């Protein structure tokens, strides 16, 4: 079951935004009518982005939210997905009036006073599992939440999903800012993982791009600080196009005990976004475009190479969810 969850959610990558207006969460409160065939997907939120204002709307309507907050806050947002939805896409309103029949919109939201109230509201189901998604570089809050809602809906999962929304600048020029925000957010991600462990949850972690760095740093610091028992409930980790230095990853992995299994890497040597990251950092490649996978020998890691998959986004950074062939591959992996 864990491997099924991992493979079904591997397509939770976030596209690096290009030109044009960025997506925002549109809140259209009110109950559905009998004629409304929109589906509703709940996304739970843990965030250390600075929240302006009070009440649930102040949390769920955060747009870029690049300002950092030393206090971790919790919420829930119910996303309406239109009946015209195309799998793999997010139907943004753009400059048009938002219409639940055509666009992703938020139906309602809740802001929790503390972690206990947050955890108590997450359905437990038969296994107590949750899927925790950690977004990557240049992602605003709306993009992280809507993408996770789309993936959960498309793969018809009944497992509750949580978005850890760390303070990315949501700006293509903010690479260094985002790397610093990863360091800032480690303690908050640890706080969330410790809470999930105490609550008896089995957690599957999915991280995209720079979010992989945040996950590895957090697991490492938990292990070396004597909190390894909290790593045991982690039911699996998937790093999607991870923007991590290969040498750093090996050091991180060797200090994590117990090492989560299954542990999956989705990589591509044609990932242009990671090629740019390699240029910025002065290295020949990043972990998500690793050129010598034998370097990972000895680690209990499964590598899924999408280098030969055609289609998808032009940068090759989101092949996992934009290329039909990649989606079919992930679906085939699920039952094994």
C-alpha atoms as a PDB file:
ATOM      1  CA  UNK A   1       0.000   0.000   0.000  1.00  0.00           C
ATOM      2  CA  UNK A   2       2.810   2.427   0.833  1.00  0.00           C
ATOM      3  CA  UNK A   3       4.416   1.953  -2.571  1.00  0.00           C
ATOM      4  CA  UNK A   4       1.039   2.521  -4.216  1.00  0.00           C
ATOM      5  CA  UNK A   5       0.627   5.818  -2.363  1.00  0.00           C
ATOM      6  CA  UNK A   6       4.142   6.895  -3.326  1.00  0.00           C
ATOM      7  CA  UNK A   7       3.757   6.177  -7.010  1.00  0.00           C
ATOM      8  CA  UNK A   8       0.299   7.687  -7.269  1.00  0.00           C
ATOM      9  CA  UNK A   9       1.539  10.926  -5.758  1.00  0.00           C
ATOM     10  CA  UNK A  10       4.900  11.170  -7.534  1.00  0.00           C
ATOM     11  CA  UNK A  11       3.307  13.512 -10.038  1.00  0.00           C
ATOM     12  CA  UNK A  12       2.853  16.208  -7.419  1.00  0.00           C
ATOM     13  CA  UNK A  13       5.564  18.404  -8.925  1.00  0.00           C
ATOM     14  CA  UNK A  14       5.075  22.147  -9.162  1.00  0.00           C
ATOM     15  CA  UNK A  15       5.773  23.920 -12.456  1.00  0.00           C
ATOM     16  CA  UNK A  16       8.249  26.758 -12.293  1.00  0.00           C
ATOM     17  CA  UNK A  17       6.110  29.743 -13.135  1.00  0.00           C
ATOM     18  CA  UNK A  18       6.893  31.736 -16.240  1.00  0.00           C
ATOM     19  CA  UNK A  19       5.690  35.134 -17.261  1.00  0.00           C
ATOM     20  CA  UNK A  20       2.214  36.351 -16.521  1.00  0.00           C
ATOM     21  CA  UNK A  21       0.153  36.662 -13.349  1.00  0.00           C
ATOM     22  CA  UNK A  22       0.630  34.071 -10.629  1.00  0.00           C
ATOM     23  CA  UNK A  23      -2.223  31.962  -9.334  1.00  0.00           C
ATOM     24  CA  UNK A  24      -4.147  32.961  -6.228  1.00  0.00           C
ATOM     25  CA  UNK A  25      -6.690  31.142  -4.101  1.00  0.00           C
ATOM     26  CA  UNK A  26     -10.203  32.368  -4.830  1.00  0.00           C
ATOM     27  CA  UNK A  27     -12.671  31.881  -1.993  1.00  0.00           C
ATOM     28  CA  UNK A  28     -16.308  31.414  -3.000  1.00  0.00           C
ATOM     29  CA  UNK A  29     -18.101  30.345   0.175  1.00  0.00           C
ATOM     30  CA  UNK A  30     -21.447  28.657   0.160  1.00  0.00           C
ATOM     31  CA  UNK A  31     -22.921  25.210  -0.037  1.00  0.00           C
ATOM     32  CA  UNK A  32     -23.085  23.286  -3.276  1.00  0.00           C
ATOM     33  CA  UNK A  33     -26.405  23.208  -5.087  1.00  0.00           C
ATOM     34  CA  UNK A  34     -28.004  20.120  -6.536  1.00  0.00           C
ATOM     35  CA  UNK A  35     -26.896  21.175 -10.018  1.00  0.00           C
ATOM     36  CA  UNK A  36     -23.280  21.648  -8.949  1.00  0.00           C
ATOM     37  CA  UNK A  37     -21.259  18.569  -9.909  1.00  0.00           C
ATOM     38  CA  UNK A  38     -17.914  19.934  -8.756  1.00  0.00           C
ATOM     39  CA  UNK A  39     -15.822  17.636  -6.566  1.00  0.00           C
ATOM     40  CA  UNK A  40     -14.399  18.851  -3.286  1.00  0.00           C
ATOM     41  CA  UNK A  41     -10.874  17.922  -2.191  1.00  0.00           C
ATOM     42  CA  UNK A  42      -9.702  18.789   1.315  1.00  0.00           C
ATOM     43  CA  UNK A  43      -6.106  19.916   1.815  1.00  0.00           C
ATOM     44  CA  UNK A  44      -4.725  20.350   5.327  1.00  0.00           C
ATOM     45  CA  UNK A  45      -2.084  23.063   5.703  1.00  0.00           C
ATOM     46  CA  UNK A  46       0.897  23.602   7.978  1.00  0.00           C
ATOM     47  CA  UNK A  47       2.758  26.818   7.176  1.00  0.00           C
ATOM     48  CA  UNK A  48       5.475  29.104   8.474  1.00  0.00           C
ATOM     49  CA  UNK A  49       4.651  31.792   5.936  1.00  0.00           C
ATOM     50  CA  UNK A  50       3.646  34.994   7.701  1.00  0.00           C
ATOM     51  CA  UNK A  51      -0.134  35.236   7.852  1.00  0.00           C
ATOM     52  CA  UNK A  52      -1.709  38.673   7.666  1.00  0.00           C
ATOM     53  CA  UNK A  53      -4.991  39.169   9.497  1.00  0.00           C
ATOM     54  CA  UNK A  54      -7.194  36.837  11.529  1.00  0.00           C
ATOM     55  CA  UNK A  55      -9.710  34.130  10.778  1.00  0.00           C
ATOM     56  CA  UNK A  56      -9.584  31.270   8.257  1.00  0.00           C
ATOM     57  CA  UNK A  57      -9.683  33.524   5.202  1.00  0.00           C
ATOM     58  CA  UNK A  58      -6.455  35.204   6.309  1.00  0.00           C
ATOM     59  CA  UNK A  59      -4.744  31.830   6.172  1.00  0.00           C
ATOM     60  CA  UNK A  60      -6.169  30.321   3.012  1.00  0.00           C
ATOM     61  CA  UNK A  61      -6.030  33.492   0.893  1.00  0.00           C
ATOM     62  CA  UNK A  62      -2.278  33.973   1.335  1.00  0.00           C
ATOM     63  CA  UNK A  63      -0.819  34.692  -2.080  1.00  0.00           C
ATOM     64  CA  UNK A  64       2.978  34.859  -2.212  1.00  0.00           C
ATOM     65  CA  UNK A  65       3.537  34.774   1.530  1.00  0.00           C
ATOM     66  CA  UNK A  66       7.322  35.020   1.238  1.00  0.00           C
ATOM     67  CA  UNK A  67       7.679  36.628   4.662  1.00  0.00           C
ATOM     68  CA  UNK A  68       8.825  34.134   7.294  1.00  0.00           C
ATOM     69  CA  UNK A  69       6.977  33.500  10.536  1.00  0.00           C
ATOM     70  CA  UNK A  70       8.654  31.879  13.566  1.00  0.00           C
ATOM     71  CA  UNK A  71       5.279  30.400  14.518  1.00  0.00           C
ATOM     72  CA  UNK A  72       3.931  27.352  12.704  1.00  0.00           C
ATOM     73  CA  UNK A  73       0.240  27.732  11.868  1.00  0.00           C
ATOM     74  CA  UNK A  74      -2.357  25.221  10.805  1.00  0.00           C
ATOM     75  CA  UNK A  75      -5.432  25.216   8.635  1.00  0.00           C
ATOM     76  CA  UNK A  76      -7.676  23.314   6.274  1.00  0.00           C
ATOM     77  CA  UNK A  77      -9.034  24.341   2.912  1.00  0.00           C
ATOM     78  CA  UNK A  78     -11.751  22.653   0.856  1.00  0.00           C
ATOM     79  CA  UNK A  79     -10.984  22.993  -2.851  1.00  0.00           C
ATOM     80  CA  UNK A  80     -13.744  22.744  -5.436  1.00  0.00           C
ATOM     81  CA  UNK A  81     -12.593  21.014  -8.637  1.00  0.00           C
ATOM     82  CA  UNK A  82     -14.746  21.705 -11.702  1.00  0.00           C
ATOM     83  CA  UNK A  83     -16.594  18.964 -13.601  1.00  0.00           C
ATOM     84  CA  UNK A  84     -14.699  20.060 -16.739  1.00  0.00           C
ATOM     85  CA  UNK A  85     -11.355  19.358 -15.037  1.00  0.00           C
ATOM     86  CA  UNK A  86      -8.660  17.779 -17.227  1.00  0.00           C
ATOM     87  CA  UNK A  87      -6.393  15.360 -15.312  1.00  0.00           C
ATOM     88  CA  UNK A  88      -2.961  16.823 -14.682  1.00  0.00           C
ATOM     89  CA  UNK A  89      -4.070  20.433 -14.970  1.00  0.00           C
ATOM     90  CA  UNK A  90      -5.151  23.225 -12.641  1.00  0.00           C
ATOM     91  CA  UNK A  91      -7.963  25.292 -14.090  1.00  0.00           C
ATOM     92  CA  UNK A  92      -7.041  28.795 -12.887  1.00  0.00           C
ATOM     93  CA  UNK A  93      -9.589  31.600 -13.341  1.00  0.00           C
ATOM     94  CA  UNK A  94      -6.856  33.954 -14.550  1.00  0.00           C
ATOM     95  CA  UNK A  95      -8.391  37.327 -15.299  1.00  0.00           C
ATOM     96  CA  UNK A  96     -11.890  35.888 -15.695  1.00  0.00           C
ATOM     97  CA  UNK A  97     -14.542  35.854 -12.956  1.00  0.00           C
ATOM     98  CA  UNK A  98     -14.033  32.625 -11.012  1.00  0.00           C
ATOM     99  CA  UNK A  99     -16.661  30.015 -11.831  1.00  0.00           C
ATOM    100  CA  UNK A 100     -16.828  26.711  -9.899  1.00  0.00           C
ATOM    101  CA  UNK A 101     -18.144  25.063 -13.061  1.00  0.00           C
ATOM    102  CA  UNK A 102     -14.867  25.865 -14.829  1.00  0.00           C
ATOM    103  CA  UNK A 103     -12.195  26.738 -12.254  1.00  0.00           C
ATOM    104  CA  UNK A 104     -10.520  25.640  -9.064  1.00  0.00           C
ATOM    105  CA  UNK A 105     -11.930  27.683  -6.179  1.00  0.00           C
ATOM    106  CA  UNK A 106     -11.958  27.405  -2.399  1.00  0.00           C
ATOM    107  CA  UNK A 107     -15.331  26.555  -0.873  1.00  0.00           C
ATOM    108  CA  UNK A 108     -14.393  26.966   2.781  1.00  0.00           C
ATOM    109  CA  UNK A 109     -11.511  27.012   5.194  1.00  0.00           C
ATOM    110  CA  UNK A 110     -10.672  26.480   8.844  1.00  0.00           C
ATOM    111  CA  UNK A 111      -7.878  27.911  10.949  1.00  0.00           C
ATOM    112  CA  UNK A 112      -6.801  25.835  13.948  1.00  0.00           C
ATOM    113  CA  UNK A 113      -5.642  27.318  17.223  1.00  0.00           C
ATOM    114  CA  UNK A 114      -2.910  24.712  17.750  1.00  0.00           C
ATOM    115  CA  UNK A 115      -1.398  21.478  16.460  1.00  0.00           C
ATOM    116  CA  UNK A 116      -3.619  19.292  18.624  1.00  0.00           C
ATOM    117  CA  UNK A 117      -6.795  20.718  17.106  1.00  0.00           C
ATOM    118  CA  UNK A 118      -5.262  20.332  13.641  1.00  0.00           C
ATOM    119  CA  UNK A 119      -4.360  16.669  14.140  1.00  0.00           C
ATOM    120  CA  UNK A 120      -7.706  15.847  15.718  1.00  0.00           C
ATOM    121  CA  UNK A 121      -9.507  17.060  12.604  1.00  0.00           C
ATOM    122  CA  UNK A 122      -7.533  14.921  10.139  1.00  0.00           C
ATOM    123  CA  UNK A 123      -9.477  11.734   9.324  1.00  0.00           C
ATOM    124  CA  UNK A 124      -7.711   8.629  10.574  1.00  0.00           C
ATOM    125  CA  UNK A 125      -9.240   5.991   8.325  1.00  0.00           C
ATOM    126  CA  UNK A 126      -8.217   2.357   8.698  1.00  0.00           C
ATOM    127  CA  UNK A 127      -4.442   2.867   8.480  1.00  0.00           C
ATOM    128  CA  UNK A 128      -3.936   6.311  10.018  1.00  0.00           C
ATOM    129  CA  UNK A 129      -1.812   7.282   7.009  1.00  0.00           C
ATOM    130  CA  UNK A 130      -1.311  10.788   5.686  1.00  0.00           C
ATOM    131  CA  UNK A 131       0.521  12.151   2.662  1.00  0.00           C
ATOM    132  CA  UNK A 132       2.753  15.143   3.413  1.00  0.00           C
ATOM    133  CA  UNK A 133       3.720  17.247   0.412  1.00  0.00           C
ATOM    134  CA  UNK A 134       6.674  19.666   0.516  1.00  0.00           C
ATOM    135  CA  UNK A 135       6.783  22.008  -2.482  1.00  0.00           C
ATOM    136  CA  UNK A 136       9.863  23.345  -4.198  1.00  0.00           C
ATOM    137  CA  UNK A 137      11.498  26.581  -5.339  1.00  0.00           C
ATOM    138  CA  UNK A 138       9.486  29.527  -6.687  1.00  0.00           C
ATOM    139  CA  UNK A 139       6.095  28.327  -5.470  1.00  0.00           C
ATOM    140  CA  UNK A 140       3.459  30.463  -3.825  1.00  0.00           C
ATOM    141  CA  UNK A 141       0.911  29.157  -1.355  1.00  0.00           C
ATOM    142  CA  UNK A 142      -1.943  28.895  -3.863  1.00  0.00           C
ATOM    143  CA  UNK A 143       0.176  26.910  -6.319  1.00  0.00           C
ATOM    144  CA  UNK A 144       1.253  24.435  -3.649  1.00  0.00           C
ATOM    145  CA  UNK A 145      -2.270  23.876  -2.341  1.00  0.00           C
ATOM    146  CA  UNK A 146      -4.084  23.708  -5.678  1.00  0.00           C
ATOM    147  CA  UNK A 147      -1.510  21.322  -7.117  1.00  0.00           C
ATOM    148  CA  UNK A 148      -1.838  18.944  -4.196  1.00  0.00           C
ATOM    149  CA  UNK A 149      -5.642  19.104  -4.458  1.00  0.00           C
ATOM    150  CA  UNK A 150      -5.432  18.297  -8.173  1.00  0.00           C
ATOM    151  CA  UNK A 151      -3.170  15.301  -7.640  1.00  0.00           C
ATOM    152  CA  UNK A 152      -5.229  13.896  -4.774  1.00  0.00           C
ATOM    153  CA  UNK A 153      -8.377  14.267  -6.870  1.00  0.00           C
ATOM    154  CA  UNK A 154      -6.937  12.792 -10.058  1.00  0.00           C
ATOM    155  CA  UNK A 155      -5.637   9.694  -8.298  1.00  0.00           C
ATOM    156  CA  UNK A 156      -8.806   9.273  -6.251  1.00  0.00           C
ATOM    157  CA  UNK A 157      -6.928   8.837  -3.007  1.00  0.00           C
ATOM    158  CA  UNK A 158      -8.784   8.496   0.254  1.00  0.00           C
ATOM    159  CA  UNK A 159      -5.622   9.277   2.218  1.00  0.00           C
ATOM    160  CA  UNK A 160      -5.680  12.731   3.867  1.00  0.00           C
ATOM    161  CA  UNK A 161      -3.162  15.137   2.346  1.00  0.00           C
ATOM    162  CA  UNK A 162      -1.138  17.853   4.084  1.00  0.00           C
ATOM    163  CA  UNK A 163       0.704  20.700   2.389  1.00  0.00           C
ATOM    164  CA  UNK A 164       3.755  21.962   4.267  1.00  0.00           C
ATOM    165  CA  UNK A 165       3.838  25.463   2.804  1.00  0.00           C
ATOM    166  CA  UNK A 166       7.259  26.935   3.576  1.00  0.00           C
ATOM    167  CA  UNK A 167       8.099  30.581   2.778  1.00  0.00           C
ATOM    168  CA  UNK A 168       9.297  30.428  -0.799  1.00  0.00           C
ATOM    169  CA  UNK A 169       9.514  33.906  -2.338  1.00  0.00           C
ATOM    170  CA  UNK A 170       7.361  32.783  -5.260  1.00  0.00           C
ATOM    171  CA  UNK A 171       9.803  34.601  -7.535  1.00  0.00           C
ATOM    172  CA  UNK A 172      12.135  33.135 -10.139  1.00  0.00           C
ATOM    173  CA  UNK A 173      14.792  35.606  -8.935  1.00  0.00           C
ATOM    174  CA  UNK A 174      14.541  34.328  -5.360  1.00  0.00           C
ATOM    175  CA  UNK A 175      16.750  31.228  -5.543  1.00  0.00           C
ATOM    176  CA  UNK A 176      19.074  32.284  -2.725  1.00  0.00           C
ATOM    177  CA  UNK A 177      16.158  33.541  -0.629  1.00  0.00           C
ATOM    178  CA  UNK A 178      14.428  30.188  -1.035  1.00  0.00           C
ATOM    179  CA  UNK A 179      17.557  28.250  -0.062  1.00  0.00           C
ATOM    180  CA  UNK A 180      17.763  30.323   3.105  1.00  0.00           C
ATOM    181  CA  UNK A 181      14.051  29.697   3.723  1.00  0.00           C
ATOM    182  CA  UNK A 182      14.733  25.955   3.584  1.00  0.00           C
ATOM    183  CA  UNK A 183      17.145  26.368   6.493  1.00  0.00           C
ATOM    184  CA  UNK A 184      14.610  28.547   8.293  1.00  0.00           C
ATOM    185  CA  UNK A 185      11.828  25.962   7.861  1.00  0.00           C
ATOM    186  CA  UNK A 186      13.664  22.843   9.119  1.00  0.00           C
ATOM    187  CA  UNK A 187      12.550  23.183  12.736  1.00  0.00           C
ATOM    188  CA  UNK A 188       8.930  23.711  11.712  1.00  0.00           C
ATOM    189  CA  UNK A 189       8.873  20.640   9.480  1.00  0.00           C
ATOM    190  CA  UNK A 190      10.392  18.705  12.385  1.00  0.00           C
ATOM    191  CA  UNK A 191       7.643  20.007  14.678  1.00  0.00           C
ATOM    192  CA  UNK A 192       5.024  18.743  12.239  1.00  0.00           C
ATOM    193  CA  UNK A 193       6.668  15.314  11.859  1.00  0.00           C
ATOM    194  CA  UNK A 194       7.022  14.930  15.619  1.00  0.00           C
ATOM    195  CA  UNK A 195       3.343  15.758  16.046  1.00  0.00           C
ATOM    196  CA  UNK A 196       2.297  13.246  13.401  1.00  0.00           C
ATOM    197  CA  UNK A 197       4.443  10.563  15.051  1.00  0.00           C
ATOM    198  CA  UNK A 198       2.974  11.229  18.502  1.00  0.00           C
ATOM    199  CA  UNK A 199      -0.487  11.025  16.967  1.00  0.00           C
ATOM    200  CA  UNK A 200       0.256   7.553  15.637  1.00  0.00           C
ATOM    201  CA  UNK A 201       0.205   8.586  11.973  1.00  0.00           C
ATOM    202  CA  UNK A 202       2.011   6.745   9.180  1.00  0.00           C
ATOM    203  CA  UNK A 203       3.416   9.519   7.004  1.00  0.00           C
ATOM    204  CA  UNK A 204       4.365   9.301   3.341  1.00  0.00           C
ATOM    205  CA  UNK A 205       6.561  12.283   2.428  1.00  0.00           C
ATOM    206  CA  UNK A 206       6.607  13.672  -1.097  1.00  0.00           C
ATOM    207  CA  UNK A 207       9.007  16.500  -1.871  1.00  0.00           C
ATOM    208  CA  UNK A 208       9.627  18.327  -5.113  1.00  0.00           C
ATOM    209  CA  UNK A 209      12.787  20.133  -6.216  1.00  0.00           C
ATOM    210  CA  UNK A 210      14.186  22.298  -3.390  1.00  0.00           C
ATOM    211  CA  UNK A 211      11.630  20.748  -1.064  1.00  0.00           C
ATOM    212  CA  UNK A 212      13.802  17.625  -1.164  1.00  0.00           C
ATOM    213  CA  UNK A 213      16.617  19.592   0.455  1.00  0.00           C
ATOM    214  CA  UNK A 214      14.253  20.664   3.219  1.00  0.00           C
ATOM    215  CA  UNK A 215      13.119  17.094   3.845  1.00  0.00           C
ATOM    216  CA  UNK A 216      16.632  15.638   3.916  1.00  0.00           C
ATOM    217  CA  UNK A 217      17.946  18.351   6.236  1.00  0.00           C
ATOM    218  CA  UNK A 218      15.014  17.832   8.594  1.00  0.00           C
ATOM    219  CA  UNK A 219      15.329  14.035   8.701  1.00  0.00           C
ATOM    220  CA  UNK A 220      19.069  14.394   9.305  1.00  0.00           C
ATOM    221  CA  UNK A 221      18.686  16.826  12.191  1.00  0.00           C
ATOM    222  CA  UNK A 222      16.022  14.636  13.790  1.00  0.00           C
ATOM    223  CA  UNK A 223      18.276  11.603  13.568  1.00  0.00           C
ATOM    224  CA  UNK A 224      21.426  13.207  14.994  1.00  0.00           C
ATOM    225  CA  UNK A 225      19.496  14.958  17.779  1.00  0.00           C
ATOM    226  CA  UNK A 226      18.222  11.679  19.202  1.00  0.00           C
ATOM    227  CA  UNK A 227      14.721  11.787  17.687  1.00  0.00           C
ATOM    228  CA  UNK A 228      15.158   8.759  15.456  1.00  0.00           C
ATOM    229  CA  UNK A 229      12.094   7.072  16.963  1.00  0.00           C
ATOM    230  CA  UNK A 230       9.952   9.722  15.286  1.00  0.00           C
ATOM    231  CA  UNK A 231      11.351   8.594  11.921  1.00  0.00           C
ATOM    232  CA  UNK A 232       9.984   5.058  12.309  1.00  0.00           C
ATOM    233  CA  UNK A 233       6.376   6.014  11.451  1.00  0.00           C
ATOM    234  CA  UNK A 234       7.561   7.487   8.135  1.00  0.00           C
ATOM    235  CA  UNK A 235       6.097   5.005   5.682  1.00  0.00           C
ATOM    236  CA  UNK A 236       8.087   6.168   2.672  1.00  0.00           C
ATOM    237  CA  UNK A 237       9.798   9.119   1.003  1.00  0.00           C
ATOM    238  CA  UNK A 238       9.735  10.212  -2.631  1.00  0.00           C
ATOM    239  CA  UNK A 239      12.013  12.991  -3.861  1.00  0.00           C
ATOM    240  CA  UNK A 240      10.819  14.361  -7.198  1.00  0.00           C
ATOM    241  CA  UNK A 241      13.420  16.180  -9.322  1.00  0.00           C
ATOM    242  CA  UNK A 242      15.392  16.916  -6.143  1.00  0.00           C
ATOM    243  CA  UNK A 243      17.454  20.098  -6.220  1.00  0.00           C
ATOM    244  CA  UNK A 244      20.203  18.785  -3.935  1.00  0.00           C
ATOM    245  CA  UNK A 245      23.962  18.612  -4.351  1.00  0.00           C
ATOM    246  CA  UNK A 246      24.905  14.946  -4.789  1.00  0.00           C
ATOM    247  CA  UNK A 247      27.747  15.096  -2.254  1.00  0.00           C
ATOM    248  CA  UNK A 248      25.471  16.776   0.272  1.00  0.00           C
ATOM    249  CA  UNK A 249      22.766  14.165  -0.261  1.00  0.00           C
ATOM    250  CA  UNK A 250      25.188  11.323   0.450  1.00  0.00           C
ATOM    251  CA  UNK A 251      26.277  12.998   3.687  1.00  0.00           C
ATOM    252  CA  UNK A 252      22.648  13.597   4.655  1.00  0.00           C
ATOM    253  CA  UNK A 253      21.576  10.044   3.879  1.00  0.00           C
ATOM    254  CA  UNK A 254      24.441   8.496   5.825  1.00  0.00           C
ATOM    255  CA  UNK A 255      23.370  10.321   9.008  1.00  0.00           C
ATOM    256  CA  UNK A 256      19.680   9.386   8.837  1.00  0.00           C
ATOM    257  CA  UNK A 257      18.786   6.395  10.978  1.00  0.00           C
ATOM    258  CA  UNK A 258      16.458   4.641  10.606  1.00  0.00           C
ATOM    259  CA  UNK A 259      16.493   5.376   6.884  1.00  0.00           C
ATOM    260  CA  UNK A 260      12.905   5.551   5.555  1.00  0.00           C
ATOM    261  CA  UNK A 261      11.828   2.800   3.189  1.00  0.00           C
ATOM    262  CA  UNK A 262      10.683   2.721   0.507  1.00  0.00           C
ATOM    263  CA  UNK A 263      12.749   5.683  -0.649  1.00  0.00           C
ATOM    264  CA  UNK A 264      12.313   6.775  -4.253  1.00  0.00           C
ATOM    265  CA  UNK A 265      14.090   9.278  -6.499  1.00  0.00           C
ATOM    266  CA  UNK A 266      12.540  10.553  -9.717  1.00  0.00           C
ATOM    267  CA  UNK A 267      15.296  11.870 -11.978  1.00  0.00           C
ATOM    268  CA  UNK A 268      15.932  13.084 -15.518  1.00  0.00           C
ATOM    269  CA  UNK A 269      19.106  14.129 -17.274  1.00  0.00           C
ATOM    270  CA  UNK A 270      16.953  16.416 -19.463  1.00  0.00           C
ATOM    271  CA  UNK A 271      15.745  18.567 -16.577  1.00  0.00           C
ATOM    272  CA  UNK A 272      16.616  22.091 -17.746  1.00  0.00           C
ATOM    273  CA  UNK A 273      15.547  23.703 -14.468  1.00  0.00           C
ATOM    274  CA  UNK A 274      18.024  21.570 -12.546  1.00  0.00           C
ATOM    275  CA  UNK A 275      20.600  22.332 -15.218  1.00  0.00           C
ATOM    276  CA  UNK A 276      20.183  26.008 -14.388  1.00  0.00           C
ATOM    277  CA  UNK A 277      20.425  25.247 -10.671  1.00  0.00           C
ATOM    278  CA  UNK A 278      23.667  23.366 -11.348  1.00  0.00           C
ATOM    279  CA  UNK A 279      25.000  26.399 -13.211  1.00  0.00           C
ATOM    280  CA  UNK A 280      24.085  28.679 -10.302  1.00  0.00           C
ATOM    281  CA  UNK A 281      25.787  26.402  -7.780  1.00  0.00           C
ATOM    282  CA  UNK A 282      28.837  25.687  -9.955  1.00  0.00           C
ATOM    283  CA  UNK A 283      28.298  21.925 -10.085  1.00  0.00           C
ATOM    284  CA  UNK A 284      27.908  19.684 -13.151  1.00  0.00           C
ATOM    285  CA  UNK A 285      24.539  18.291 -12.040  1.00  0.00           C
ATOM    286  CA  UNK A 286      22.031  18.082  -9.192  1.00  0.00           C
ATOM    287  CA  UNK A 287      20.642  14.924  -7.609  1.00  0.00           C
ATOM    288  CA  UNK A 288      17.511  15.076  -9.764  1.00  0.00           C
ATOM    289  CA  UNK A 289      19.644  14.866 -12.912  1.00  0.00           C
ATOM    290  CA  UNK A 290      22.314  12.571 -11.495  1.00  0.00           C
ATOM    291  CA  UNK A 291      24.802  11.404 -14.131  1.00  0.00           C
ATOM    292  CA  UNK A 292      26.328   8.517 -12.171  1.00  0.00           C
ATOM    293  CA  UNK A 293      23.634   6.643 -10.200  1.00  0.00           C
ATOM    294  CA  UNK A 294      26.254   4.177  -8.981  1.00  0.00           C
ATOM    295  CA  UNK A 295      27.224   6.857  -6.460  1.00  0.00           C
ATOM    296  CA  UNK A 296      24.072   5.906  -4.557  1.00  0.00           C
ATOM    297  CA  UNK A 297      24.998   2.228  -4.383  1.00  0.00           C
ATOM    298  CA  UNK A 298      24.536   0.837  -0.906  1.00  0.00           C
ATOM    299  CA  UNK A 299      21.585   3.066  -0.086  1.00  0.00           C
ATOM    300  CA  UNK A 300      18.087   1.515  -0.111  1.00  0.00           C
ATOM    301  CA  UNK A 301      16.915   3.840  -2.869  1.00  0.00           C
ATOM    302  CA  UNK A 302      14.825   3.125  -5.959  1.00  0.00           C
ATOM    303  CA  UNK A 303      15.543   5.398  -8.924  1.00  0.00           C
ATOM    304  CA  UNK A 304      12.880   6.127 -11.533  1.00  0.00           C
ATOM    305  CA  UNK A 305      14.567   7.625 -14.585  1.00  0.00           C
ATOM    306  CA  UNK A 306      12.316   9.741 -16.825  1.00  0.00           C
ATOM    307  CA  UNK A 307      15.092  10.901 -19.151  1.00  0.00           C
ATOM    308  CA  UNK A 308      13.629   9.040 -22.126  1.00  0.00           C
ATOM    309  CA  UNK A 309      10.026  10.063 -21.530  1.00  0.00           C
ATOM    310  CA  UNK A 310       8.719  12.312 -24.289  1.00  0.00           C
ATOM    311  CA  UNK A 311       6.298  15.170 -23.780  1.00  0.00           C
ATOM    312  CA  UNK A 312       5.554  17.220 -20.742  1.00  0.00           C
ATOM    313  CA  UNK A 313       6.773  20.686 -19.892  1.00  0.00           C
ATOM    314  CA  UNK A 314       9.528  22.295 -21.939  1.00  0.00           C
ATOM    315  CA  UNK A 315      11.887  22.511 -18.975  1.00  0.00           C
ATOM    316  CA  UNK A 316      11.604  18.810 -18.251  1.00  0.00           C
ATOM    317  CA  UNK A 317      11.206  19.640 -14.558  1.00  0.00           C
ATOM    318  CA  UNK A 318       7.569  18.530 -14.359  1.00  0.00           C
ATOM    319  CA  UNK A 319       7.649  15.505 -16.647  1.00  0.00           C
ATOM    320  CA  UNK A 320       6.241  13.361 -13.871  1.00  0.00           C
ATOM    321  CA  UNK A 321       2.813  14.951 -14.115  1.00  0.00           C
ATOM    322  CA  UNK A 322       2.709  16.708 -17.485  1.00  0.00           C
ATOM    323  CA  UNK A 323       3.853  13.865 -19.771  1.00  0.00           C
ATOM    324  CA  UNK A 324       1.144  11.250 -20.430  1.00  0.00           C
ATOM    325  CA  UNK A 325       3.778   8.532 -20.808  1.00  0.00           C
ATOM    326  CA  UNK A 326       5.197   9.333 -17.379  1.00  0.00           C
ATOM    327  CA  UNK A 327       1.741   9.278 -15.817  1.00  0.00           C
ATOM    328  CA  UNK A 328       1.069   5.869 -17.366  1.00  0.00           C
ATOM    329  CA  UNK A 329       4.400   4.630 -16.002  1.00  0.00           C
ATOM    330  CA  UNK A 330       3.514   5.731 -12.485  1.00  0.00           C
ATOM    331  CA  UNK A 331       0.097   4.139 -12.719  1.00  0.00           C
ATOM    332  CA  UNK A 332       1.685   0.856 -13.789  1.00  0.00           C
ATOM    333  CA  UNK A 333       4.083   0.997 -10.855  1.00  0.00           C
ATOM    334  CA  UNK A 334       1.269   1.452  -8.349  1.00  0.00           C
ATOM    335  CA  UNK A 335      -0.053  -2.104  -7.974  1.00  0.00           C
ATOM    336  CA  UNK A 336       3.358  -3.770  -7.529  1.00  0.00           C
END
